[in-house]
Amino acid sequence: MVTLGILKDIDFGFWLKSNDYYSPNILSTNVRTGIKHVKKAGLINELVKEIQSNAELINLIKQRINSKNSPSDFNDEELLIIFDLIQAWGGPMGRNPYVLKNLPRINESELFAATYRQTIEMLFKLKDINDYDKDVAPIKRKLEELPQLGQSFSTKHLSFWSRFLRHCPQLVIYDTRMINIIKAANKHIENSKITYNDFRHALLQEAEQLGLSINDIERAIFAFSSNYFNNDELVLKDNPKISHPDKAIAHQLLDHKKPNSCLFERIFSNKGKH
C-alpha cells in the first residue's frame, strides 16, 4: 500500500506557509512566466493587469468558478478564461498548449472549450468518490484528451475546480515533483505502480490526524520538496533557500545518505558525461 512514509513527519504547518505558489505577498517569477505565455491566447490580458500576488490570482480563479451555478451557465469564453488562469498559475510548464505544435489552445479553441465543458459537467456531478475508476478516472482522461495537457496540469484543473465547487470531493495535484517524492517515500513499490489514485489515498490516510485537507498536505509536501530537491529528478539542491531541521528527512528520502556522500556521488556519476 502506498503511504506518505517518512513524509508524514515533515513540519506541515511550516511548509504550508512556505509555498510561494500561494503567497499573498509576491507574484512569483514562475507565475509571471506562466501569465506571459498564457496571454498569447488573448483572453486574460485585462484580467491580470492588476494582479499583484499569486494569492490574488487564485482568488480570481475562485471567483470565476463560483460565478455560475451550473456548467450550462458558463459560455465558452468564460470556461476558457478559467482554463487559461489555471494554466498561468501553474508556471512555465503551463506554456505547452500555447507554444508547442500548432499552438492548439490558440488555433483549436473550439475543441478546448467543448472538451473542457464536458470535463466541468462531470465535475459538477461528482458528489462522492466510491469507485475511482468510475468516478474520477473518466474526468481525468477527458481532460488529457486536450493537446499538450498531461497529468501534471490535468490534475491542477481537477484540484482547483474540486476546491471551489460546492459539494465536490477534493482532488489534488499530481505533477512530476509529487510523483518523484512519493516514489522516494515508497521504495518498496515499483515506481510505475504508484498512480494518481494511490497518491490521493495516501494523503487521505493522514488528513484526519494532521487536521489538514488533502490539498493542504500536497501543498506542504510540494514546498518541502521544492526547497530541497530539483524538479525533474530527486537530486538534492546544493543550497536550499530555507534552513530547517527537515533537511534530515530530505536526506533520509535518498536512502539515508549523508550530504557529503550525496554530493560526491553526483560529482562522480557526472564524470565522462561531457
Protein backbone atom coordinates (compact mmCIF):
# COMPACT_ATOMS: atom_id res chain seq x y z
CA MET A 1 0.00 0.00 0.00
CA VAL A 2 1.25 3.50 -0.87
CA THR A 3 1.69 5.78 2.16
CA LEU A 4 3.39 9.07 2.92
CA GLY A 5 6.08 7.11 4.73
CA ILE A 6 8.65 9.39 6.32
CA LEU A 7 6.98 12.39 4.67
CA LYS A 8 4.32 12.30 7.38
CA ASP A 9 6.99 13.60 9.78
CA ILE A 10 7.72 16.89 7.99
CA ASP A 11 6.68 20.17 9.62
CA PHE A 12 3.40 20.58 7.73
CA GLY A 13 2.45 23.85 9.39
CA PHE A 14 5.75 25.45 8.41
CA TRP A 15 5.86 24.18 4.83
CA LEU A 16 2.21 25.00 4.22
CA LYS A 17 3.06 28.66 4.82
CA SER A 18 6.25 28.42 2.73
CA ASN A 19 4.67 27.51 -0.63
CA ASP A 20 5.27 30.58 -2.82
CA TYR A 21 2.61 29.50 -5.31
CA TYR A 22 0.00 30.54 -2.71
CA SER A 23 1.80 33.64 -1.47
CA PRO A 24 -0.27 36.76 -0.71
CA ASN A 25 2.90 38.85 -0.83
CA ILE A 26 4.54 38.13 -4.18
CA LEU A 27 3.73 37.43 -7.79
CA SER A 28 6.46 34.86 -8.23
CA THR A 29 8.74 34.57 -11.23
CA ASN A 30 7.22 31.21 -12.12
CA VAL A 31 3.68 32.57 -12.14
CA ARG A 32 4.74 35.71 -14.02
CA THR A 33 6.23 33.45 -16.68
CA GLY A 34 3.04 31.39 -16.81
CA ILE A 35 0.95 34.52 -17.26
CA LYS A 36 3.25 35.75 -20.03
CA HIS A 37 2.76 32.57 -22.08
CA VAL A 38 -0.98 32.29 -21.48
CA LYS A 39 -1.54 35.88 -22.59
CA LYS A 40 -0.84 34.65 -26.11
CA ALA A 41 -4.42 33.33 -26.22
CA GLY A 42 -5.70 36.86 -25.64
CA LEU A 43 -8.40 36.26 -23.02
CA ILE A 44 -6.78 37.09 -19.67
CA ASN A 45 -4.73 40.16 -20.59
CA GLU A 46 -7.05 42.71 -18.98
CA LEU A 47 -7.99 40.46 -16.07
CA VAL A 48 -4.43 40.04 -14.80
CA LYS A 49 -3.29 43.65 -15.19
CA GLU A 50 -3.89 44.45 -11.53
CA ILE A 51 -2.78 41.10 -10.11
CA GLN A 52 -0.06 41.70 -7.52
CA SER A 53 0.34 38.27 -5.91
CA ASN A 54 -0.13 34.55 -6.51
CA ALA A 55 -2.93 34.53 -3.93
CA GLU A 56 -4.78 37.22 -5.88
CA LEU A 57 -4.62 35.04 -8.99
CA ILE A 58 -6.00 32.10 -7.01
CA ASN A 59 -8.81 34.30 -5.71
CA LEU A 60 -9.63 35.34 -9.27
CA ILE A 61 -9.88 31.68 -10.28
CA LYS A 62 -12.13 31.03 -7.29
CA GLN A 63 -14.39 33.97 -8.18
CA ARG A 64 -14.67 32.79 -11.77
CA ILE A 65 -15.53 29.20 -10.79
CA ASN A 66 -18.07 30.37 -8.20
CA SER A 67 -19.70 32.87 -10.56
CA LYS A 68 -22.09 30.26 -12.02
CA ASN A 69 -24.35 27.59 -10.60
CA SER A 70 -24.18 25.03 -13.41
CA PRO A 71 -21.95 24.18 -16.38
CA SER A 72 -24.57 25.46 -18.82
CA ASP A 73 -24.33 28.91 -17.22
CA PHE A 74 -20.76 29.29 -18.49
CA ASN A 75 -20.26 30.39 -22.07
CA ASP A 76 -17.24 29.05 -23.94
CA GLU A 77 -15.12 32.13 -23.37
CA GLU A 78 -15.75 32.05 -19.62
CA LEU A 79 -14.62 28.43 -19.44
CA LEU A 80 -11.51 29.15 -21.49
CA ILE A 81 -10.64 32.07 -19.22
CA ILE A 82 -10.70 29.73 -16.21
CA PHE A 83 -8.61 27.21 -18.15
CA ASP A 84 -6.09 29.93 -19.02
CA LEU A 85 -5.89 31.29 -15.46
CA ILE A 86 -5.15 27.85 -14.03
CA GLN A 87 -2.51 27.24 -16.69
CA ALA A 88 -0.94 30.61 -15.84
CA TRP A 89 -0.84 29.82 -12.12
CA GLY A 90 0.96 26.56 -12.94
CA GLY A 91 4.03 28.45 -14.10
CA PRO A 92 6.41 27.96 -17.03
CA MET A 93 5.28 24.44 -17.92
CA GLY A 94 1.74 25.72 -18.46
CA ARG A 95 3.00 27.18 -21.72
CA ASN A 96 2.78 23.98 -23.76
CA PRO A 97 -0.73 24.38 -25.25
CA TYR A 98 0.16 27.95 -26.25
CA VAL A 99 3.59 27.47 -27.80
CA LEU A 100 4.05 23.84 -28.94
CA LYS A 101 2.96 22.02 -32.10
CA ASN A 102 0.41 24.19 -33.90
CA LEU A 103 -0.45 26.25 -30.77
CA PRO A 104 -3.53 24.12 -30.01
CA ARG A 105 -5.05 26.33 -27.31
CA ILE A 106 -4.95 29.28 -29.74
CA ASN A 107 -5.79 27.54 -33.01
CA GLU A 108 -8.21 24.93 -31.66
CA SER A 109 -10.14 26.99 -29.12
CA GLU A 110 -13.48 25.39 -30.04
CA LEU A 111 -12.08 21.93 -29.29
CA PHE A 112 -10.65 23.18 -25.99
CA ALA A 113 -13.96 24.78 -24.97
CA ALA A 114 -16.02 21.70 -25.87
CA THR A 115 -13.72 19.23 -24.13
CA TYR A 116 -13.29 21.44 -21.08
CA ARG A 117 -17.06 21.84 -20.84
CA GLN A 118 -17.51 18.05 -20.81
CA THR A 119 -14.98 17.83 -18.01
CA ILE A 120 -16.69 20.52 -15.94
CA GLU A 121 -20.08 18.87 -16.45
CA MET A 122 -18.67 15.68 -14.92
CA LEU A 123 -17.09 17.59 -12.01
CA PHE A 124 -20.38 19.31 -11.21
CA LYS A 125 -21.99 15.88 -10.93
CA LEU A 126 -19.23 14.46 -8.72
CA LYS A 127 -20.55 14.36 -5.14
CA ASP A 128 -18.59 11.44 -3.74
CA ILE A 129 -15.83 9.05 -4.78
CA ASN A 130 -16.90 5.47 -4.24
CA ASP A 131 -15.06 3.97 -7.18
CA TYR A 132 -12.11 5.91 -8.60
CA ASP A 133 -12.23 4.12 -11.95
CA LYS A 134 -15.86 5.13 -12.46
CA ASP A 135 -15.99 8.46 -10.63
CA VAL A 136 -12.67 10.22 -11.29
CA ALA A 137 -10.67 8.41 -13.98
CA PRO A 138 -13.07 9.36 -16.83
CA ILE A 139 -12.84 13.04 -15.89
CA LYS A 140 -9.04 12.94 -15.81
CA ARG A 141 -8.90 11.08 -19.14
CA LYS A 142 -11.24 13.60 -20.76
CA LEU A 143 -9.02 16.49 -19.68
CA GLU A 144 -5.95 14.72 -21.02
CA GLU A 145 -7.56 14.46 -24.45
CA LEU A 146 -6.67 18.13 -24.83
CA PRO A 147 -3.49 18.61 -26.88
CA GLN A 148 -0.36 19.27 -24.80
CA LEU A 149 -2.15 18.70 -21.49
CA GLY A 150 -0.68 15.87 -19.44
CA GLN A 151 -1.17 14.68 -15.88
CA SER A 152 0.85 17.48 -14.27
CA PHE A 153 -1.68 20.04 -15.48
CA SER A 154 -4.85 17.98 -15.79
CA THR A 155 -4.63 17.41 -12.03
CA LYS A 156 -4.16 21.15 -11.43
CA HIS A 157 -7.51 21.73 -13.10
CA LEU A 158 -9.09 18.91 -11.10
CA SER A 159 -7.69 20.38 -7.90
CA PHE A 160 -8.89 23.94 -8.48
CA TRP A 161 -12.39 23.01 -9.58
CA SER A 162 -12.84 20.49 -6.77
CA ARG A 163 -11.66 23.02 -4.18
CA PHE A 164 -14.08 25.72 -5.24
CA LEU A 165 -17.14 23.77 -6.41
CA ARG A 166 -19.72 23.21 -3.71
CA HIS A 167 -20.11 19.56 -2.63
CA CYS A 168 -17.25 18.27 -4.81
CA PRO A 169 -14.78 15.91 -3.10
CA GLN A 170 -11.24 17.23 -3.13
CA LEU A 171 -8.85 16.19 -5.86
CA VAL A 172 -5.16 17.02 -5.73
CA ILE A 173 -2.24 18.00 -7.94
CA TYR A 174 -0.01 15.11 -9.03
CA ASP A 175 2.86 16.55 -11.03
CA THR A 176 6.46 15.50 -11.61
CA ARG A 177 7.63 16.76 -8.24
CA MET A 178 4.89 14.86 -6.39
CA ILE A 179 5.50 11.70 -8.42
CA ASN A 180 9.19 11.73 -7.59
CA ILE A 181 8.80 12.34 -3.88
CA ILE A 182 6.01 9.80 -3.29
CA LYS A 183 8.16 7.22 -5.08
CA ALA A 184 11.07 8.03 -2.76
CA ALA A 185 8.79 7.56 0.27
CA ASN A 186 7.66 4.15 -1.04
CA LYS A 187 10.85 2.47 -2.22
CA HIS A 188 9.28 -0.95 -1.68
CA ILE A 189 6.83 -0.36 -4.54
CA GLU A 190 7.66 -0.37 -8.24
CA ASN A 191 7.78 3.22 -9.49
CA SER A 192 5.34 2.59 -12.31
CA LYS A 193 2.76 1.22 -9.89
CA ILE A 194 2.10 4.45 -7.97
CA THR A 195 -0.97 6.02 -9.55
CA TYR A 196 -2.85 9.27 -9.04
CA ASN A 197 -5.43 7.35 -7.04
CA ASP A 198 -2.69 5.82 -4.84
CA PHE A 199 -1.28 9.27 -4.13
CA ARG A 200 -4.67 10.73 -3.22
CA HIS A 201 -5.38 7.80 -0.87
CA ALA A 202 -2.00 8.24 0.81
CA LEU A 203 -2.95 11.85 1.56
CA LEU A 204 -6.40 10.85 2.81
CA GLN A 205 -4.86 8.37 5.24
CA GLU A 206 -3.07 11.19 7.07
CA ALA A 207 -5.60 14.03 6.64
CA GLU A 208 -7.60 13.43 9.81
CA GLN A 209 -4.59 13.01 12.06
CA LEU A 210 -2.89 16.09 10.62
CA GLY A 211 -6.08 18.13 10.69
CA LEU A 212 -5.46 19.28 7.13
CA SER A 213 -7.23 18.92 3.81
CA ILE A 214 -5.53 16.72 1.24
CA ASN A 215 -4.82 19.79 -0.89
CA ASP A 216 -3.06 21.44 2.04
CA ILE A 217 -0.99 18.29 2.64
CA GLU A 218 0.05 18.26 -1.03
CA ARG A 219 0.82 21.98 -0.85
CA ALA A 220 3.13 21.46 2.17
CA ILE A 221 4.92 18.47 0.61
CA PHE A 222 5.42 20.49 -2.57
CA ALA A 223 7.08 23.33 -0.62
CA PHE A 224 9.30 20.88 1.27
CA SER A 225 10.32 19.18 -1.98
CA SER A 226 10.91 22.48 -3.79
CA ASN A 227 13.27 23.60 -1.05
CA TYR A 228 15.47 20.51 -1.08
CA PHE A 229 15.13 18.84 -4.49
CA ASN A 230 15.27 19.63 -8.18
CA ASN A 231 12.01 19.25 -10.09
CA ASP A 232 12.81 16.67 -12.75
CA GLU A 233 14.58 14.17 -10.52
CA LEU A 234 15.12 13.64 -6.82
CA VAL A 235 18.55 15.28 -6.56
CA LEU A 236 19.42 17.43 -3.58
CA LYS A 237 19.98 21.13 -4.17
CA ASP A 238 23.40 22.37 -3.08
CA ASN A 239 21.99 25.48 -1.40
CA PRO A 240 18.41 25.15 -0.13
CA LYS A 241 16.66 28.51 0.16
CA ILE A 242 15.28 27.71 3.62
CA SER A 243 17.24 26.25 6.53
CA HIS A 244 15.07 23.84 8.53
CA PRO A 245 15.55 20.65 10.59
CA ASP A 246 13.51 18.75 7.97
CA LYS A 247 16.71 18.64 5.94
CA ALA A 248 17.32 15.36 7.74
CA ILE A 249 14.12 13.92 6.23
CA ALA A 250 15.21 15.05 2.78
CA HIS A 251 18.43 13.07 3.19
CA GLN A 252 16.59 10.04 4.53
CA LEU A 253 14.46 10.01 1.38
CA LEU A 254 17.70 9.46 -0.52
CA ASP A 255 18.49 6.10 1.02
CA HIS A 256 19.76 7.65 4.26
CA LYS A 257 22.84 9.03 2.51
CA LYS A 258 24.83 11.75 4.19
CA PRO A 259 25.03 15.15 2.48
CA ASN A 260 28.69 14.91 1.56
CA SER A 261 28.38 11.41 0.16
CA CYS A 262 25.36 12.52 -1.91
CA LEU A 263 27.35 15.39 -3.37
CA PHE A 264 30.39 13.18 -4.00
CA GLU A 265 28.25 10.56 -5.72
CA ARG A 266 26.64 13.16 -8.00
CA ILE A 267 30.08 14.56 -8.96
CA PHE A 268 31.47 11.07 -9.57
CA SER A 269 28.44 9.96 -11.62
CA ASN A 270 28.80 13.01 -13.88
CA LYS A 271 32.34 12.06 -14.91
CA GLY A 272 32.58 11.13 -18.53
CA LYS A 273 29.28 12.77 -19.49
CA HIS A 274 30.92 15.76 -21.13
